[in-house]
């Protein structure tokens, strides 16, 4: 008996097998991405926004689809997150940028992650449309090309997609369908009721139709372009990137070490509380005299700082057990030639001091000569002090780490400057404080200067992580 041409051709060649498998993979990925991008706008009030330019690189590229949840009047804007908003500088244009600062007038400063400088025009809160929550990669490229008038790319993508969908319908074994007894020759056994020659056409039509419908749904949610556009103040690309893609680099570096609390101190003037950005809900309280809204200390992580002149910031609403091992991290700037209290731990929230009823230790002070001291508190004087003065009017990054055995290291600007064994500490419940405390035989004066980005850890930060925080500034 003579074999049919199909059977004599033998197994499917490797080249054809690879093409079919790649086509099926592409089909599955494309359909999945379109569904992910199209479903939220269909079933909720979320919007889908195709990014049209590159100022949010490397986390967000042209053609990515940003899925964003609408914000209402009661929405609390999170500094450091990506938002969709009306461009305050250009009418009828929508931007996808990060909010990097809350200004003391209530407006916000925004920036693209790839922009060295922030956007030139402040953002009024009323211009915020939505908060970006999900990112679907590259599925919006055809719409991006369409908006940009790049018709050759649109045509090429359409042809290649159609070819891939057709190739994905081929069988892997290279054999024609076999007949089952009792079935007409013209019917395929796995498509009963569908003519064999029409089945591929029908399947292709359904698949391509699903993609087209999804693309229309995604595109239909974009009443205007959603840009991540370089501003007129942009210089060169810099290190705005973050591991999560939705955080400033310094914040991301700190959060990676699981702090007890992180207070950016970006609050506006008149605010009585400082938000805890660690997710641990340890809201700080500001006690005058303090001046929020001062210029911040980190060049690539815009935000504001707090000026101190006898006022204090109490971190957390309830007393906690004093940790045996801990790290204190903050940024400071001063030109003061008076001794001042930078940060420490004690058993009350008030400014009053009693030699016999106040527990106060784990404190950092700046001496009148500008040097940093750690280890001086009531009944103890086993201290370590930096050899250099830091009251030079420049911002400095300060980290003090201490183990349960009281082995202490002071880091300034990412490098260890002094280390040694420091005074014994007591076990009690209390509060972390910044700017003013109750140590020394008499009440130590409050710090006079600016403080920014305070972090507390109930663990010892390794030297490599301290350097990483400094590098992320």
Protein backbone atom coordinates (compact mmCIF):
# COMPACT_ATOMS: atom_id res chain seq x y z
CA UNK A 1 0.00 0.00 0.00
CA UNK A 2 1.39 3.40 -0.94
CA UNK A 3 1.96 5.87 1.96
CA UNK A 4 0.48 9.30 1.85
CA UNK A 5 2.76 12.26 1.22
CA UNK A 6 2.28 13.41 4.85
CA UNK A 7 3.30 10.07 6.33
CA UNK A 8 6.32 9.68 4.09
CA UNK A 9 7.57 13.12 5.13
CA UNK A 10 8.45 11.69 8.54
CA UNK A 11 8.55 13.62 11.84
CA UNK A 12 8.24 17.37 12.00
CA UNK A 13 11.65 18.99 11.33
CA UNK A 14 13.33 20.70 14.29
CA UNK A 15 13.10 24.12 12.69
CA UNK A 16 9.33 23.79 12.36
CA UNK A 17 9.07 22.47 15.92
CA UNK A 18 10.95 25.50 17.28
CA UNK A 19 8.80 27.90 15.27
CA UNK A 20 5.59 26.31 16.53
CA UNK A 21 6.72 26.32 20.16
CA UNK A 22 7.93 29.93 20.00
CA UNK A 23 4.69 30.98 18.31
CA UNK A 24 2.61 29.33 21.01
CA UNK A 25 4.72 30.95 23.73
CA UNK A 26 4.31 34.37 22.12
CA UNK A 27 0.57 33.82 21.72
CA UNK A 28 0.16 32.81 25.37
CA UNK A 29 2.21 35.76 26.63
CA UNK A 30 0.45 38.30 24.44
CA UNK A 31 -3.05 37.12 25.31
CA UNK A 32 -2.17 36.98 29.02
CA UNK A 33 -0.71 40.49 29.07
CA UNK A 34 -3.67 41.92 27.18
CA UNK A 35 -6.09 40.29 29.62
CA UNK A 36 -4.14 41.58 32.63
CA UNK A 37 -4.10 45.10 31.17
CA UNK A 38 -7.74 45.09 30.02
CA UNK A 39 -9.50 43.34 32.91
CA UNK A 40 -9.13 45.97 35.70
CA UNK A 41 -10.68 48.79 33.61
CA UNK A 42 -13.53 46.42 32.65
CA UNK A 43 -14.45 45.29 36.17
CA UNK A 44 -13.46 48.33 38.26
CA UNK A 45 -12.80 52.05 38.14
CA UNK A 46 -9.10 51.52 37.53
CA UNK A 47 -7.50 53.16 34.53
CA UNK A 48 -4.89 51.79 32.12
CA UNK A 49 -2.28 54.26 30.86
CA UNK A 50 0.25 53.58 28.12
CA UNK A 51 3.59 55.25 28.92
CA UNK A 52 4.71 57.33 25.95
CA UNK A 53 8.28 58.33 26.86
CA UNK A 54 11.29 57.37 28.93
CA UNK A 55 11.75 59.62 31.97
CA UNK A 56 10.68 56.81 34.34
CA UNK A 57 13.37 54.41 33.15
CA UNK A 58 14.66 51.92 34.06
CA UNK A 59 11.59 50.77 36.01
CA UNK A 60 8.97 51.96 33.49
CA UNK A 61 9.60 51.94 29.73
CA UNK A 62 7.76 53.27 26.70
CA UNK A 63 4.90 50.93 25.87
CA UNK A 64 4.42 49.69 29.43
CA UNK A 65 0.85 49.91 30.70
CA UNK A 66 0.41 51.47 34.13
CA UNK A 67 -2.70 50.30 35.98
CA UNK A 68 -3.79 52.96 38.46
CA UNK A 69 -6.50 53.28 41.09
CA UNK A 70 -8.42 56.59 41.08
CA UNK A 71 -7.80 58.90 44.03
CA UNK A 72 -10.53 60.88 45.73
CA UNK A 73 -10.51 63.92 48.02
CA UNK A 74 -9.87 61.70 51.04
CA UNK A 75 -6.86 59.97 49.51
CA UNK A 76 -3.65 60.36 51.49
CA UNK A 77 -0.83 61.06 49.05
CA UNK A 78 2.24 58.93 49.73
CA UNK A 79 5.53 60.69 49.06
CA UNK A 80 7.80 58.40 47.08
CA UNK A 81 5.01 56.67 45.13
CA UNK A 82 4.19 56.90 41.42
CA UNK A 83 1.02 58.80 40.47
CA UNK A 84 -0.90 59.70 37.33
CA UNK A 85 -1.72 63.40 37.23
CA UNK A 86 -2.49 66.34 34.97
CA UNK A 87 0.76 68.01 33.98
CA UNK A 88 0.75 71.39 35.78
CA UNK A 89 3.11 72.83 33.16
CA UNK A 90 1.35 71.72 29.96
CA UNK A 91 -2.40 71.84 29.43
CA UNK A 92 -4.21 68.63 28.39
CA UNK A 93 -1.27 66.35 29.09
CA UNK A 94 -1.14 63.53 31.63
CA UNK A 95 2.09 62.55 33.39
CA UNK A 96 3.19 59.36 35.09
CA UNK A 97 5.85 60.55 37.55
CA UNK A 98 6.89 60.01 41.14
CA UNK A 99 5.85 62.39 43.93
CA UNK A 100 9.09 63.13 45.76
CA UNK A 101 8.20 65.92 48.17
CA UNK A 102 5.31 67.53 49.99
CA UNK A 103 5.91 71.27 50.03
CA UNK A 104 5.06 73.50 52.95
CA UNK A 105 2.31 75.19 50.89
CA UNK A 106 0.49 71.86 50.43
CA UNK A 107 1.57 71.29 46.81
CA UNK A 108 3.83 68.44 45.72
CA UNK A 109 7.15 68.20 43.89
CA UNK A 110 7.33 65.51 41.20
CA UNK A 111 10.12 63.96 39.16
CA UNK A 112 10.86 61.25 36.64
CA UNK A 113 13.15 58.51 37.91
CA UNK A 114 15.62 59.13 35.07
CA UNK A 115 15.59 62.91 35.57
CA UNK A 116 18.43 64.41 37.55
CA UNK A 117 16.28 67.37 38.58
CA UNK A 118 12.68 67.59 39.71
CA UNK A 119 9.82 68.88 37.55
CA UNK A 120 9.81 72.67 37.39
CA UNK A 121 6.11 73.28 38.23
CA UNK A 122 4.65 72.17 41.60
CA UNK A 123 1.64 69.84 41.49
CA UNK A 124 -1.62 70.92 43.08
CA UNK A 125 -3.28 67.95 44.86
CA UNK A 126 -6.44 68.50 42.78
CA UNK A 127 -4.50 67.51 39.66
CA UNK A 128 -3.83 63.96 40.87
CA UNK A 129 -5.89 61.40 38.96
CA UNK A 130 -4.76 58.02 40.24
CA UNK A 131 -2.08 56.09 42.12
CA UNK A 132 -0.07 53.60 40.08
CA UNK A 133 -0.36 50.10 41.52
CA UNK A 134 0.48 47.59 38.77
CA UNK A 135 2.72 47.59 35.70
CA UNK A 136 2.13 45.44 32.59
CA UNK A 137 5.28 45.36 30.45
CA UNK A 138 5.33 46.26 26.74
CA UNK A 139 1.73 45.32 25.92
CA UNK A 140 1.02 48.94 25.01
CA UNK A 141 3.81 49.22 22.43
CA UNK A 142 1.46 48.99 19.39
CA UNK A 143 -0.64 51.84 20.80
CA UNK A 144 2.51 53.81 21.58
CA UNK A 145 3.70 53.36 17.98
CA UNK A 146 0.25 54.30 16.72
CA UNK A 147 0.19 57.53 18.76
CA UNK A 148 3.69 58.36 17.54
CA UNK A 149 2.75 57.78 13.90
CA UNK A 150 5.24 54.93 13.48
CA UNK A 151 3.10 53.05 10.96
CA UNK A 152 5.83 50.72 9.65
CA UNK A 153 6.31 49.30 13.15
CA UNK A 154 2.55 48.89 13.60
CA UNK A 155 2.28 47.06 10.26
CA UNK A 156 5.29 44.86 11.00
CA UNK A 157 3.94 43.92 14.44
CA UNK A 158 0.54 43.10 12.95
CA UNK A 159 2.04 40.84 10.27
CA UNK A 160 4.37 39.07 12.68
CA UNK A 161 1.58 38.56 15.21
CA UNK A 162 -0.73 37.12 12.57
CA UNK A 163 2.05 34.81 11.36
CA UNK A 164 2.79 33.69 14.92
CA UNK A 165 -0.87 32.94 15.61
CA UNK A 166 -1.13 30.92 12.39
CA UNK A 167 2.06 28.98 13.16
CA UNK A 168 0.84 28.27 16.70
CA UNK A 169 -2.10 26.31 15.24
CA UNK A 170 0.15 23.74 13.58
CA UNK A 171 0.37 20.26 15.10
CA UNK A 172 3.67 19.27 16.67
CA UNK A 173 3.77 15.71 15.24
CA UNK A 174 3.47 16.79 11.61
CA UNK A 175 0.79 14.13 10.95
CA UNK A 176 -2.59 14.78 9.43
CA UNK A 177 -5.64 14.12 11.63
CA UNK A 178 -6.85 10.52 11.66
CA UNK A 179 -10.43 9.44 11.18
CA UNK A 180 -12.54 7.74 13.78
CA UNK A 181 -15.00 5.09 12.73
CA UNK A 182 -18.39 6.53 12.00
CA UNK A 183 -17.14 10.10 11.53
CA UNK A 184 -17.24 11.76 8.13
CA UNK A 185 -13.81 12.26 6.53
CA UNK A 186 -14.22 16.02 6.52
CA UNK A 187 -14.47 16.28 10.35
CA UNK A 188 -11.43 16.40 12.69
CA UNK A 189 -11.68 14.15 15.75
CA UNK A 190 -10.68 16.97 18.14
CA UNK A 191 -12.96 19.50 16.50
CA UNK A 192 -16.16 17.51 15.99
CA UNK A 193 -18.63 19.57 14.01
CA UNK A 194 -15.99 21.97 12.66
CA UNK A 195 -14.71 21.38 9.15
CA UNK A 196 -10.95 20.65 9.17
CA UNK A 197 -10.07 23.41 6.74
CA UNK A 198 -12.12 25.99 8.55
CA UNK A 199 -10.90 25.17 12.09
CA UNK A 200 -7.54 27.02 11.83
CA UNK A 201 -9.25 30.07 10.37
CA UNK A 202 -11.87 30.06 13.13
CA UNK A 203 -9.28 29.59 15.88
CA UNK A 204 -7.11 32.34 14.45
CA UNK A 205 -10.06 34.69 14.21
CA UNK A 206 -11.05 34.05 17.82
CA UNK A 207 -7.48 34.51 19.14
CA UNK A 208 -6.70 37.64 17.15
CA UNK A 209 -10.15 39.00 17.94
CA UNK A 210 -9.51 38.57 21.66
CA UNK A 211 -6.22 40.46 21.37
CA UNK A 212 -7.78 43.23 19.30
CA UNK A 213 -10.72 43.60 21.70
CA UNK A 214 -8.32 43.74 24.65
CA UNK A 215 -6.20 46.34 22.90
CA UNK A 216 -9.29 48.41 22.17
CA UNK A 217 -10.35 48.20 25.81
CA UNK A 218 -6.89 49.25 26.99
CA UNK A 219 -6.70 52.00 24.42
CA UNK A 220 -10.24 53.11 25.15
CA UNK A 221 -9.30 53.90 28.73
CA UNK A 222 -6.75 56.44 27.51
CA UNK A 223 -8.66 59.59 26.73
CA UNK A 224 -5.34 61.46 26.56
CA UNK A 225 -1.71 60.43 26.27
CA UNK A 226 0.00 59.34 29.49
CA UNK A 227 3.56 60.61 29.32
CA UNK A 228 6.61 59.98 31.44
CA UNK A 229 8.30 62.87 29.75
CA UNK A 230 11.65 64.56 30.32
CA UNK A 231 11.11 68.09 31.58
CA UNK A 232 12.84 71.27 30.52
CA UNK A 233 14.99 71.06 33.66
CA UNK A 234 16.31 67.59 32.91
CA UNK A 235 20.06 67.12 32.77
CA UNK A 236 21.52 63.62 32.48
CA UNK A 237 20.16 60.31 33.72
CA UNK A 238 21.05 59.56 37.33
CA UNK A 239 20.48 57.00 40.04
CA UNK A 240 16.83 57.53 40.86
CA UNK A 241 16.21 53.79 40.57
CA UNK A 242 14.83 51.73 43.41
CA UNK A 243 14.57 48.02 43.98
CA UNK A 244 10.80 48.14 44.25
CA UNK A 245 10.34 50.54 41.33
CA UNK A 246 7.98 52.65 43.48
CA UNK A 247 10.30 54.09 46.12
CA UNK A 248 13.09 56.62 46.34
CA UNK A 249 16.48 54.87 46.41
CA UNK A 250 17.35 55.92 49.97
CA UNK A 251 13.96 54.82 51.28
CA UNK A 252 14.32 51.50 49.48
CA UNK A 253 17.77 50.96 50.99
CA UNK A 254 16.52 51.67 54.51
CA UNK A 255 13.40 49.53 54.19
CA UNK A 256 15.53 46.61 52.98
CA UNK A 257 17.02 46.49 56.51
CA UNK A 258 13.60 46.31 58.23
CA UNK A 259 13.81 49.36 60.51
CA UNK A 260 11.85 49.73 63.72
CA UNK A 261 10.73 53.04 62.23
CA UNK A 262 11.52 55.47 59.39
CA UNK A 263 10.52 59.11 59.62
CA UNK A 264 11.31 61.17 56.49
CA UNK A 265 10.18 64.39 58.21
CA UNK A 266 8.60 65.71 55.01
CA UNK A 267 5.58 67.14 56.83
CA UNK A 268 4.34 70.65 56.12
CA UNK A 269 4.54 73.57 58.53
CA UNK A 270 1.94 73.35 61.28
CA UNK A 271 1.85 69.56 61.24
CA UNK A 272 1.96 67.99 64.71
CA UNK A 273 2.81 64.44 63.66
CA UNK A 274 5.51 62.71 61.61
CA UNK A 275 4.48 59.73 59.47
CA UNK A 276 6.32 56.44 59.95
CA UNK A 277 7.28 55.16 56.47
CA UNK A 278 8.42 51.73 57.72
CA UNK A 279 4.91 50.27 57.68
CA UNK A 280 5.05 49.72 61.46
CA UNK A 281 2.66 52.60 62.19
CA UNK A 282 4.90 54.28 64.77
CA UNK A 283 3.74 57.83 64.18
CA UNK A 284 6.05 60.46 65.65
CA UNK A 285 4.96 63.63 67.41
CA UNK A 286 6.54 67.05 66.91
CA UNK A 287 6.93 69.40 69.88
CA UNK A 288 7.83 73.06 69.30
CA UNK A 289 10.04 74.90 68.72
CA UNK A 290 10.48 73.05 65.42
CA UNK A 291 10.43 74.31 61.83
CA UNK A 292 9.15 71.74 59.30
CA UNK A 293 9.59 72.39 55.58
CA UNK A 294 13.31 73.13 55.62
CA UNK A 295 15.41 72.11 52.60
CA UNK A 296 16.13 68.38 52.71
CA UNK A 297 19.51 66.73 52.99
CA UNK A 298 19.53 64.10 50.23
CA UNK A 299 20.38 65.28 46.69
CA UNK A 300 18.64 62.43 44.78
CA UNK A 301 15.80 61.85 47.25
CA UNK A 302 13.97 65.19 47.38
CA UNK A 303 12.04 66.00 50.52
CA UNK A 304 12.01 68.42 53.39
CA UNK A 305 13.74 68.50 56.78
CA UNK A 306 12.89 69.81 60.25
CA UNK A 307 14.72 72.70 61.86
CA UNK A 308 15.30 72.22 65.62
CA UNK A 309 16.04 74.82 68.27
CA UNK A 310 15.03 73.25 71.57
CA UNK A 311 12.08 71.31 70.17
CA UNK A 312 11.89 67.52 70.03
CA UNK A 313 10.45 64.68 67.97
CA UNK A 314 9.15 61.69 69.93
CA UNK A 315 9.12 58.57 67.76
CA UNK A 316 6.16 56.28 68.35
CA UNK A 317 2.93 56.67 70.28
CA UNK A 318 3.55 54.07 73.00
CA UNK A 319 6.46 53.09 75.24
CA UNK A 320 8.53 50.09 74.08
CA UNK A 321 11.19 47.96 75.72
CA UNK A 322 14.69 49.40 75.42
CA UNK A 323 16.64 47.26 72.93
CA UNK A 324 19.93 45.62 73.90
CA UNK A 325 21.32 45.96 70.37
CA UNK A 326 20.31 48.91 68.21
CA UNK A 327 21.21 51.39 65.48
CA UNK A 328 20.36 55.08 65.19
CA UNK A 329 20.47 56.74 61.77
CA UNK A 330 19.77 60.35 60.78
CA UNK A 331 20.95 63.28 58.68
CA UNK A 332 21.93 66.56 60.32
CA UNK A 333 23.24 70.01 59.45
CA UNK A 334 24.42 72.72 61.84
CA UNK A 335 26.83 75.59 62.42
CA UNK A 336 26.14 75.70 66.16
CA UNK A 337 29.01 76.01 68.63
CA UNK A 338 26.87 74.86 71.58
CA UNK A 339 26.47 71.34 72.89
CA UNK A 340 23.28 69.69 71.60
CA UNK A 341 21.27 66.48 71.90
CA UNK A 342 20.77 64.69 68.57
CA UNK A 343 18.93 61.46 69.50
CA UNK A 344 18.49 58.97 72.32
CA UNK A 345 16.15 56.78 74.37
CA UNK A 346 14.41 57.62 77.65
CA UNK A 347 11.42 56.70 79.76
CA UNK A 348 9.18 59.71 79.14
CA UNK A 349 7.95 61.96 76.37
CA UNK A 350 8.25 65.25 78.26
CA UNK A 351 10.90 67.92 78.44
CA UNK A 352 11.20 67.73 82.21
CA UNK A 353 14.29 66.14 83.79
CA UNK A 354 14.73 64.60 87.23
CA UNK A 355 18.08 63.23 88.35
CA UNK A 356 16.43 60.40 90.30
CA UNK A 357 13.32 59.54 88.26
CA UNK A 358 14.45 59.87 84.65
CA UNK A 359 15.92 56.94 82.76
CA UNK A 360 17.85 58.25 79.75
CA UNK A 361 20.66 56.64 77.75
CA UNK A 362 21.66 55.43 74.25
CA UNK A 363 22.11 59.09 73.34
CA UNK A 364 24.13 60.91 70.68
CA UNK A 365 25.33 64.43 71.42
CA UNK A 366 27.26 67.01 69.46
CA UNK A 367 29.86 68.83 71.52
CA UNK A 368 30.41 72.58 71.40
CA UNK A 369 33.45 71.93 69.19
CA UNK A 370 31.31 70.07 66.63
CA UNK A 371 32.48 66.53 67.46
CA UNK A 372 30.10 63.60 67.89
CA UNK A 373 29.99 61.84 71.29
CA UNK A 374 28.24 58.63 72.32
CA UNK A 375 28.09 57.08 75.80
CA UNK A 376 27.54 60.08 78.09
CA UNK A 377 24.37 59.75 80.19
CA UNK A 378 23.47 59.83 83.93
CA UNK A 379 25.96 57.96 86.13
CA UNK A 380 27.97 56.87 83.05
CA UNK A 381 30.85 58.40 81.12
CA UNK A 382 32.45 55.62 79.08
CA UNK A 383 32.30 57.53 75.82
CA UNK A 384 33.68 57.57 72.32
CA UNK A 385 34.11 60.83 70.37
CA UNK A 386 34.91 61.58 66.76
CA UNK A 387 38.20 63.30 66.01
CA UNK A 388 36.66 65.59 63.42
CA UNK A 389 34.11 68.39 63.86
CA UNK A 390 30.90 68.35 61.82
CA UNK A 391 29.35 71.74 62.57
CA UNK A 392 30.45 72.99 59.15
CA UNK A 393 27.00 73.83 57.75
CA UNK A 394 26.98 70.81 55.42
CA UNK A 395 24.59 67.85 55.55
CA UNK A 396 26.07 64.73 57.17
CA UNK A 397 24.80 61.15 57.36
CA UNK A 398 25.17 59.79 60.92
CA UNK A 399 24.77 56.17 62.04
CA UNK A 400 25.55 54.81 65.50
CA UNK A 401 25.41 51.05 66.08
CA UNK A 402 25.79 49.27 69.42
CA UNK A 403 25.73 45.57 70.28
CA UNK A 404 24.36 43.93 73.43
CA UNK A 405 27.98 43.90 74.68
CA UNK A 406 28.09 47.72 74.12
CA UNK A 407 30.58 47.52 71.26
CA UNK A 408 29.73 50.77 69.52
CA UNK A 409 30.67 52.24 66.15
CA UNK A 410 29.99 55.77 64.91
CA UNK A 411 29.71 56.23 61.14
CA UNK A 412 29.66 59.59 59.39
CA UNK A 413 28.99 59.88 55.66
CA UNK A 414 29.15 56.13 55.14
CA UNK A 415 32.47 55.46 56.90
CA UNK A 416 33.35 54.47 60.48
CA UNK A 417 35.00 57.37 62.33
CA UNK A 418 35.33 55.98 65.87
CA UNK A 419 34.56 52.72 67.70
CA UNK A 420 34.85 51.34 71.23
CA UNK A 421 32.99 50.05 74.28
CA UNK A 422 30.52 52.56 75.67
CA UNK A 423 28.58 53.08 78.91
CA UNK A 424 26.21 50.48 80.33
CA UNK A 425 22.53 50.91 79.49
CA UNK A 426 19.45 50.15 81.56
CA UNK A 427 16.46 47.92 80.81
CA UNK A 428 13.18 49.85 80.89
CA UNK A 429 10.34 50.94 78.63
CA UNK A 430 10.51 54.28 76.92
CA UNK A 431 10.66 56.31 73.72
CA UNK A 432 13.19 57.22 71.04
CA UNK A 433 13.63 60.98 70.87
CA UNK A 434 15.30 63.36 68.41
CA UNK A 435 16.48 66.95 68.93
CA UNK A 436 16.01 67.27 72.69
CA UNK A 437 16.36 64.91 75.65
CA UNK A 438 17.18 64.64 79.32
CA UNK A 439 20.71 63.32 79.70
CA UNK A 440 23.63 64.60 81.74
CA UNK A 441 23.70 65.87 85.29
CA UNK A 442 21.76 68.83 83.98
CA UNK A 443 19.34 68.84 81.08
CA UNK A 444 21.43 68.72 77.90
CA UNK A 445 20.52 71.60 75.52
CA UNK A 446 18.51 70.77 72.44
CA UNK A 447 20.21 70.47 69.08
CA UNK A 448 20.29 73.68 67.02
CA UNK A 449 20.22 72.85 63.30
CA UNK A 450 18.32 70.74 60.78
CA UNK A 451 17.45 67.03 61.00
CA UNK A 452 16.22 64.77 58.20
CA UNK A 453 15.38 61.10 57.47
CA UNK A 454 15.52 59.48 60.91
CA UNK A 455 15.67 55.66 61.12
CA UNK A 456 15.81 53.44 64.20
CA UNK A 457 16.72 49.73 64.18
CA UNK A 458 16.46 47.28 67.07
CA UNK A 459 19.43 45.50 65.54
CA UNK A 460 23.00 46.31 64.48
CA UNK A 461 23.42 47.59 60.93
CA UNK A 462 26.48 46.03 59.23
CA UNK A 463 29.09 48.42 57.88
CA UNK A 464 28.24 47.39 54.31
CA UNK A 465 24.59 48.41 54.79
CA UNK A 466 25.59 51.76 56.29
CA UNK A 467 27.71 52.39 53.20
CA UNK A 468 24.79 51.31 50.98
CA UNK A 469 22.47 53.82 52.65
CA UNK A 470 25.04 56.58 52.12
CA UNK A 471 25.45 55.59 48.46
CA UNK A 472 21.65 55.73 47.93
CA UNK A 473 21.46 59.38 48.95
